[in-house]
Amino acid sequence: MIWKLVEYGGLILYTAVIPRQMGPELYGRFAALLSFISLLSMGSALGAQASFARFIPEYETRGEPERTKT
């Protein structure tokens, strides 16, 4: 129960207090960063991480690093 109180306290800080303290410009950057991280984690859940782990080292070993840039 204590951990849930800490969790909800942090959630209230995150959603109500912290954004107001950041100001519009800094919060906009923060929101863009969170959106980008969310997109990366969704891509990772769809198998991108496994694909990167499988193919990128192979291309680097074969001396074809340009294949990872397209």
PDB file of N, CA and C in Angstrom:
ATOM      1  N   MET A   1       0.822  -1.186   0.000  1.00  0.00           N
ATOM      2  CA  MET A   1       0.000   0.000   0.000  1.00  0.00           C
ATOM      3  C   MET A   1       0.876   1.264   0.000  1.00  0.00           C
ATOM      4  N   ILE A   2       1.992   1.202   0.701  1.00  0.00           N
ATOM      5  CA  ILE A   2       2.888   2.355   0.746  1.00  0.00           C
ATOM      6  C   ILE A   2       3.440   2.644  -0.648  1.00  0.00           C
ATOM      7  N   TRP A   3       3.814   1.573  -1.380  1.00  0.00           N
ATOM      8  CA  TRP A   3       4.355   1.779  -2.721  1.00  0.00           C
ATOM      9  C   TRP A   3       3.309   2.359  -3.666  1.00  0.00           C
ATOM     10  N   LYS A   4       2.060   1.968  -3.500  1.00  0.00           N
ATOM     11  CA  LYS A   4       0.991   2.540  -4.323  1.00  0.00           C
ATOM     12  C   LYS A   4       0.805   4.021  -4.013  1.00  0.00           C
ATOM     13  N   LEU A   5       0.906   4.405  -2.742  1.00  0.00           N
ATOM     14  CA  LEU A   5       0.821   5.820  -2.388  1.00  0.00           C
ATOM     15  C   LEU A   5       1.961   6.612  -3.007  1.00  0.00           C
ATOM     16  N   VAL A   6       3.163   6.039  -2.972  1.00  0.00           N
ATOM     17  CA  VAL A   6       4.307   6.696  -3.603  1.00  0.00           C
ATOM     18  C   VAL A   6       4.092   6.800  -5.110  1.00  0.00           C
ATOM     19  N   GLU A   7       3.580   5.728  -5.710  1.00  0.00           N
ATOM     20  CA  GLU A   7       3.322   5.727  -7.147  1.00  0.00           C
ATOM     21  C   GLU A   7       2.313   6.803  -7.531  1.00  0.00           C
ATOM     22  N   TYR A   8       1.205   6.875  -6.815  1.00  0.00           N
ATOM     23  CA  TYR A   8       0.180   7.864  -7.128  1.00  0.00           C
ATOM     24  C   TYR A   8       0.650   9.284  -6.821  1.00  0.00           C
ATOM     25  N   GLY A   9       1.461   9.442  -5.795  1.00  0.00           N
ATOM     26  CA  GLY A   9       2.049  10.750  -5.516  1.00  0.00           C
ATOM     27  C   GLY A   9       2.939  11.207  -6.663  1.00  0.00           C
ATOM     28  N   GLY A  10       3.769  10.292  -7.178  1.00  0.00           N
ATOM     29  CA  GLY A  10       4.606  10.609  -8.325  1.00  0.00           C
ATOM     30  C   GLY A  10       3.777  10.911  -9.554  1.00  0.00           C
ATOM     31  N   LEU A  11       2.685  10.185  -9.743  1.00  0.00           N
ATOM     32  CA  LEU A  11       1.808  10.423 -10.891  1.00  0.00           C
ATOM     33  C   LEU A  11       1.183  11.812 -10.820  1.00  0.00           C
ATOM     34  N   ILE A  12       0.764  12.213  -9.639  1.00  0.00           N
ATOM     35  CA  ILE A  12       0.193  13.552  -9.473  1.00  0.00           C
ATOM     36  C   ILE A  12       1.254  14.614  -9.767  1.00  0.00           C
ATOM     37  N   LEU A  13       2.466  14.405  -9.263  1.00  0.00           N
ATOM     38  CA  LEU A  13       3.547  15.346  -9.557  1.00  0.00           C
ATOM     39  C   LEU A  13       3.813  15.415 -11.055  1.00  0.00           C
ATOM     40  N   TYR A  14       3.849  14.271 -11.689  1.00  0.00           N
ATOM     41  CA  TYR A  14       4.175  14.183 -13.106  1.00  0.00           C
ATOM     42  C   TYR A  14       3.112  14.854 -13.972  1.00  0.00           C
ATOM     43  N   THR A  15       1.845  14.713 -13.606  1.00  0.00           N
ATOM     44  CA  THR A  15       0.780  15.228 -14.464  1.00  0.00           C
ATOM     45  C   THR A  15       0.293  16.620 -14.093  1.00  0.00           C
ATOM     46  N   ALA A  16       0.454  17.028 -12.849  1.00  0.00           N
ATOM     47  CA  ALA A  16      -0.118  18.308 -12.439  1.00  0.00           C
ATOM     48  C   ALA A  16       0.912  19.366 -12.063  1.00  0.00           C
ATOM     49  N   VAL A  17       1.954  18.987 -11.376  1.00  0.00           N
ATOM     50  CA  VAL A  17       2.877  19.977 -10.837  1.00  0.00           C
ATOM     51  C   VAL A  17       4.066  20.225 -11.761  1.00  0.00           C
ATOM     52  N   ILE A  18       4.743  19.176 -12.183  1.00  0.00           N
ATOM     53  CA  ILE A  18       5.974  19.311 -12.969  1.00  0.00           C
ATOM     54  C   ILE A  18       5.746  20.067 -14.285  1.00  0.00           C
ATOM     55  N   PRO A  19       4.719  19.745 -15.086  1.00  0.00           N
ATOM     56  CA  PRO A  19       4.537  20.484 -16.343  1.00  0.00           C
ATOM     57  C   PRO A  19       4.368  21.987 -16.140  1.00  0.00           C
ATOM     58  N   ARG A  20       3.695  22.385 -15.089  1.00  0.00           N
ATOM     59  CA  ARG A  20       3.503  23.813 -14.833  1.00  0.00           C
ATOM     60  C   ARG A  20       4.808  24.493 -14.464  1.00  0.00           C
ATOM     61  N   GLN A  21       5.706  23.765 -13.812  1.00  0.00           N
ATOM     62  CA  GLN A  21       6.992  24.325 -13.431  1.00  0.00           C
ATOM     63  C   GLN A  21       7.957  24.415 -14.617  1.00  0.00           C
ATOM     64  N   MET A  22       7.767  23.576 -15.607  1.00  0.00           N
ATOM     65  CA  MET A  22       8.675  23.542 -16.748  1.00  0.00           C
ATOM     66  C   MET A  22       8.499  24.735 -17.675  1.00  0.00           C
ATOM     67  N   GLY A  23       7.303  25.201 -17.837  1.00  0.00           N
ATOM     68  CA  GLY A  23       7.051  26.257 -18.817  1.00  0.00           C
ATOM     69  C   GLY A  23       6.744  25.642 -20.171  1.00  0.00           C
ATOM     70  N   PRO A  24       6.170  26.419 -21.074  1.00  0.00           N
ATOM     71  CA  PRO A  24       5.715  25.862 -22.344  1.00  0.00           C
ATOM     72  C   PRO A  24       6.832  25.324 -23.240  1.00  0.00           C
ATOM     73  N   GLU A  25       7.935  26.042 -23.350  1.00  0.00           N
ATOM     74  CA  GLU A  25       8.994  25.610 -24.261  1.00  0.00           C
ATOM     75  C   GLU A  25       9.664  24.323 -23.781  1.00  0.00           C
ATOM     76  N   LEU A  26      10.041  24.279 -22.528  1.00  0.00           N
ATOM     77  CA  LEU A  26      10.708  23.095 -21.989  1.00  0.00           C
ATOM     78  C   LEU A  26       9.765  21.899 -21.958  1.00  0.00           C
ATOM     79  N   TYR A  27       8.498  22.139 -21.614  1.00  0.00           N
ATOM     80  CA  TYR A  27       7.546  21.037 -21.601  1.00  0.00           C
ATOM     81  C   TYR A  27       7.289  20.521 -23.020  1.00  0.00           C
ATOM     82  N   GLY A  28       7.298  21.395 -24.005  1.00  0.00           N
ATOM     83  CA  GLY A  28       7.139  20.960 -25.396  1.00  0.00           C
ATOM     84  C   GLY A  28       8.267  20.040 -25.820  1.00  0.00           C
ATOM     85  N   ARG A  29       9.497  20.390 -25.455  1.00  0.00           N
ATOM     86  CA  ARG A  29      10.637  19.519 -25.755  1.00  0.00           C
ATOM     87  C   ARG A  29      10.509  18.183 -25.041  1.00  0.00           C
ATOM     88  N   PHE A  30      10.103  18.250 -23.777  1.00  0.00           N
ATOM     89  CA  PHE A  30       9.933  17.034 -22.979  1.00  0.00           C
ATOM     90  C   PHE A  30       8.857  16.135 -23.586  1.00  0.00           C
ATOM     91  N   ALA A  31       7.736  16.725 -24.004  1.00  0.00           N
ATOM     92  CA  ALA A  31       6.652  15.951 -24.611  1.00  0.00           C
ATOM     93  C   ALA A  31       7.102  15.323 -25.928  1.00  0.00           C
ATOM     94  N   ALA A  32       7.885  16.057 -26.719  1.00  0.00           N
ATOM     95  CA  ALA A  32       8.393  15.505 -27.981  1.00  0.00           C
ATOM     96  C   ALA A  32       9.334  14.337 -27.720  1.00  0.00           C
ATOM     97  N   LEU A  33      10.176  14.472 -26.714  1.00  0.00           N
ATOM     98  CA  LEU A  33      11.091  13.381 -26.358  1.00  0.00           C
ATOM     99  C   LEU A  33      10.319  12.152 -25.893  1.00  0.00           C
ATOM    100  N   LEU A  34       9.315  12.352 -25.055  1.00  0.00           N
ATOM    101  CA  LEU A  34       8.501  11.212 -24.604  1.00  0.00           C
ATOM    102  C   LEU A  34       7.775  10.550 -25.763  1.00  0.00           C
ATOM    103  N   SER A  35       7.293  11.331 -26.714  1.00  0.00           N
ATOM    104  CA  SER A  35       6.617  10.766 -27.887  1.00  0.00           C
ATOM    105  C   SER A  35       7.579   9.922 -28.711  1.00  0.00           C
ATOM    106  N   PHE A  36       8.783  10.421 -28.909  1.00  0.00           N
ATOM    107  CA  PHE A  36       9.784   9.684 -29.671  1.00  0.00           C
ATOM    108  C   PHE A  36      10.146   8.376 -28.972  1.00  0.00           C
ATOM    109  N   ILE A  37      10.327   8.431 -27.665  1.00  0.00           N
ATOM    110  CA  ILE A  37      10.646   7.223 -26.898  1.00  0.00           C
ATOM    111  C   ILE A  37       9.489   6.227 -26.967  1.00  0.00           C
ATOM    112  N   SER A  38       8.261   6.722 -26.916  1.00  0.00           N
ATOM    113  CA  SER A  38       7.104   5.831 -27.028  1.00  0.00           C
ATOM    114  C   SER A  38       7.059   5.146 -28.394  1.00  0.00           C
ATOM    115  N   LEU A  39       7.357   5.888 -29.445  1.00  0.00           N
ATOM    116  CA  LEU A  39       7.389   5.284 -30.781  1.00  0.00           C
ATOM    117  C   LEU A  39       8.476   4.222 -30.882  1.00  0.00           C
ATOM    118  N   LEU A  40       9.642   4.494 -30.298  1.00  0.00           N
ATOM    119  CA  LEU A  40      10.715   3.503 -30.326  1.00  0.00           C
ATOM    120  C   LEU A  40      10.335   2.247 -29.546  1.00  0.00           C
ATOM    121  N   SER A  41       9.686   2.416 -28.409  1.00  0.00           N
ATOM    122  CA  SER A  41       9.318   1.223 -27.642  1.00  0.00           C
ATOM    123  C   SER A  41       8.212   0.432 -28.326  1.00  0.00           C
ATOM    124  N   MET A  42       7.296   1.117 -29.035  1.00  0.00           N
ATOM    125  CA  MET A  42       6.285   0.382 -29.798  1.00  0.00           C
ATOM    126  C   MET A  42       6.934  -0.388 -30.943  1.00  0.00           C
ATOM    127  N   GLY A  43       7.878   0.234 -31.621  1.00  0.00           N
ATOM    128  CA  GLY A  43       8.604  -0.453 -32.693  1.00  0.00           C
ATOM    129  C   GLY A  43       9.376  -1.641 -32.161  1.00  0.00           C
ATOM    130  N   SER A  44       9.931  -1.479 -30.986  1.00  0.00           N
ATOM    131  CA  SER A  44      10.664  -2.575 -30.358  1.00  0.00           C
ATOM    132  C   SER A  44       9.728  -3.738 -30.034  1.00  0.00           C
ATOM    133  N   ALA A  45       8.528  -3.408 -29.592  1.00  0.00           N
ATOM    134  CA  ALA A  45       7.555  -4.457 -29.278  1.00  0.00           C
ATOM    135  C   ALA A  45       7.092  -5.190 -30.534  1.00  0.00           C
ATOM    136  N   LEU A  46       7.173  -4.542 -31.675  1.00  0.00           N
ATOM    137  CA  LEU A  46       6.753  -5.173 -32.927  1.00  0.00           C
ATOM    138  C   LEU A  46       7.861  -5.970 -33.604  1.00  0.00           C
ATOM    139  N   GLY A  47       9.021  -6.033 -32.984  1.00  0.00           N
ATOM    140  CA  GLY A  47      10.090  -6.862 -33.518  1.00  0.00           C
ATOM    141  C   GLY A  47      11.285  -6.114 -34.060  1.00  0.00           C
ATOM    142  N   ALA A  48      11.276  -4.799 -33.999  1.00  0.00           N
ATOM    143  CA  ALA A  48      12.406  -4.035 -34.534  1.00  0.00           C
ATOM    144  C   ALA A  48      13.688  -4.352 -33.780  1.00  0.00           C
ATOM    145  N   GLN A  49      13.588  -4.497 -32.483  1.00  0.00           N
ATOM    146  CA  GLN A  49      14.786  -4.772 -31.679  1.00  0.00           C
ATOM    147  C   GLN A  49      15.413  -6.104 -32.085  1.00  0.00           C
ATOM    148  N   ALA A  50      14.589  -7.112 -32.298  1.00  0.00           N
ATOM    149  CA  ALA A  50      15.119  -8.408 -32.717  1.00  0.00           C
ATOM    150  C   ALA A  50      15.755  -8.322 -34.103  1.00  0.00           C
ATOM    151  N   SER A  51      15.143  -7.528 -34.994  1.00  0.00           N
ATOM    152  CA  SER A  51      15.719  -7.360 -36.329  1.00  0.00           C
ATOM    153  C   SER A  51      17.060  -6.656 -36.267  1.00  0.00           C
ATOM    154  N   PHE A  52      17.150  -5.612 -35.448  1.00  0.00           N
ATOM    155  CA  PHE A  52      18.410  -4.895 -35.315  1.00  0.00           C
ATOM    156  C   PHE A  52      19.486  -5.802 -34.730  1.00  0.00           C
ATOM    157  N   ALA A  53      19.125  -6.580 -33.733  1.00  0.00           N
ATOM    158  CA  ALA A  53      20.098  -7.465 -33.094  1.00  0.00           C
ATOM    159  C   ALA A  53      20.553  -8.561 -34.055  1.00  0.00           C
ATOM    160  N   ARG A  54      19.703  -8.923 -34.998  1.00  0.00           N
ATOM    161  CA  ARG A  54      20.037  -9.987 -35.934  1.00  0.00           C
ATOM    162  C   ARG A  54      20.874  -9.488 -37.110  1.00  0.00           C
ATOM    163  N   PHE A  55      20.478  -8.381 -37.716  1.00  0.00           N
ATOM    164  CA  PHE A  55      21.088  -7.985 -38.980  1.00  0.00           C
ATOM    165  C   PHE A  55      22.227  -6.988 -38.865  1.00  0.00           C
ATOM    166  N   ILE A  56      22.172  -6.046 -37.966  1.00  0.00           N
ATOM    167  CA  ILE A  56      23.214  -5.014 -37.887  1.00  0.00           C
ATOM    168  C   ILE A  56      24.589  -5.607 -37.614  1.00  0.00           C
ATOM    169  N   PRO A  57      24.771  -6.512 -36.644  1.00  0.00           N
ATOM    170  CA  PRO A  57      26.109  -7.085 -36.454  1.00  0.00           C
ATOM    171  C   PRO A  57      26.605  -7.854 -37.681  1.00  0.00           C
ATOM    172  N   GLU A  58      25.697  -8.522 -38.372  1.00  0.00           N
ATOM    173  CA  GLU A  58      26.085  -9.261 -39.578  1.00  0.00           C
ATOM    174  C   GLU A  58      26.600  -8.313 -40.652  1.00  0.00           C
ATOM    175  N   TYR A  59      25.902  -7.207 -40.871  1.00  0.00           N
ATOM    176  CA  TYR A  59      26.347  -6.236 -41.873  1.00  0.00           C
ATOM    177  C   TYR A  59      27.682  -5.611 -41.487  1.00  0.00           C
ATOM    178  N   GLU A  60      27.865  -5.334 -40.221  1.00  0.00           N
ATOM    179  CA  GLU A  60      29.132  -4.760 -39.771  1.00  0.00           C
ATOM    180  C   GLU A  60      30.270  -5.754 -39.969  1.00  0.00           C
ATOM    181  N   THR A  61      30.032  -7.030 -39.705  1.00  0.00           N
ATOM    182  CA  THR A  61      31.064  -8.053 -39.864  1.00  0.00           C
ATOM    183  C   THR A  61      31.446  -8.237 -41.327  1.00  0.00           C
ATOM    184  N   ARG A  62      30.459  -8.172 -42.213  1.00  0.00           N
ATOM    185  CA  ARG A  62      30.726  -8.335 -43.645  1.00  0.00           C
ATOM    186  C   ARG A  62      31.306  -7.073 -44.285  1.00  0.00           C
ATOM    187  N   GLY A  63      31.396  -5.996 -43.509  1.00  0.00           N
ATOM    188  CA  GLY A  63      31.936  -4.751 -44.067  1.00  0.00           C
ATOM    189  C   GLY A  63      30.936  -3.992 -44.912  1.00  0.00           C
ATOM    190  N   GLU A  64      29.636  -4.119 -44.585  1.00  0.00           N
ATOM    191  CA  GLU A  64      28.582  -3.443 -45.327  1.00  0.00           C
ATOM    192  C   GLU A  64      27.801  -2.499 -44.411  1.00  0.00           C
ATOM    193  N   PRO A  65      28.468  -1.559 -43.764  1.00  0.00           N
ATOM    194  CA  PRO A  65      27.727  -0.698 -42.829  1.00  0.00           C
ATOM    195  C   PRO A  65      26.709   0.211 -43.514  1.00  0.00           C
ATOM    196  N   GLU A  66      26.860   0.431 -44.831  1.00  0.00           N
ATOM    197  CA  GLU A  66      25.905   1.288 -45.542  1.00  0.00           C
ATOM    198  C   GLU A  66      24.518   0.659 -45.580  1.00  0.00           C
ATOM    199  N   ARG A  67      24.416  -0.650 -45.432  1.00  0.00           N
ATOM    200  CA  ARG A  67      23.113  -1.320 -45.450  1.00  0.00           C
ATOM    201  C   ARG A  67      22.286  -1.005 -44.202  1.00  0.00           C
ATOM    202  N   THR A  68      22.943  -0.545 -43.140  1.00  0.00           N
ATOM    203  CA  THR A  68      22.211  -0.204 -41.925  1.00  0.00           C
ATOM    204  C   THR A  68      21.703   1.233 -41.965  1.00  0.00           C
ATOM    205  N   LYS A  69      22.097   1.985 -42.954  1.00  0.00           N
ATOM    206  CA  LYS A  69      21.714   3.398 -43.023  1.00  0.00           C
ATOM    207  C   LYS A  69      20.525   3.653 -43.934  1.00  0.00           C
ATOM    208  N   THR A  70      19.994   2.636 -44.568  1.00  0.00           N
ATOM    209  CA  THR A  70      18.868   2.845 -45.471  1.00  0.00           C
ATOM    210  C   THR A  70      17.587   2.337 -44.889  1.00  0.00           C
TER     211      THR A  70
END
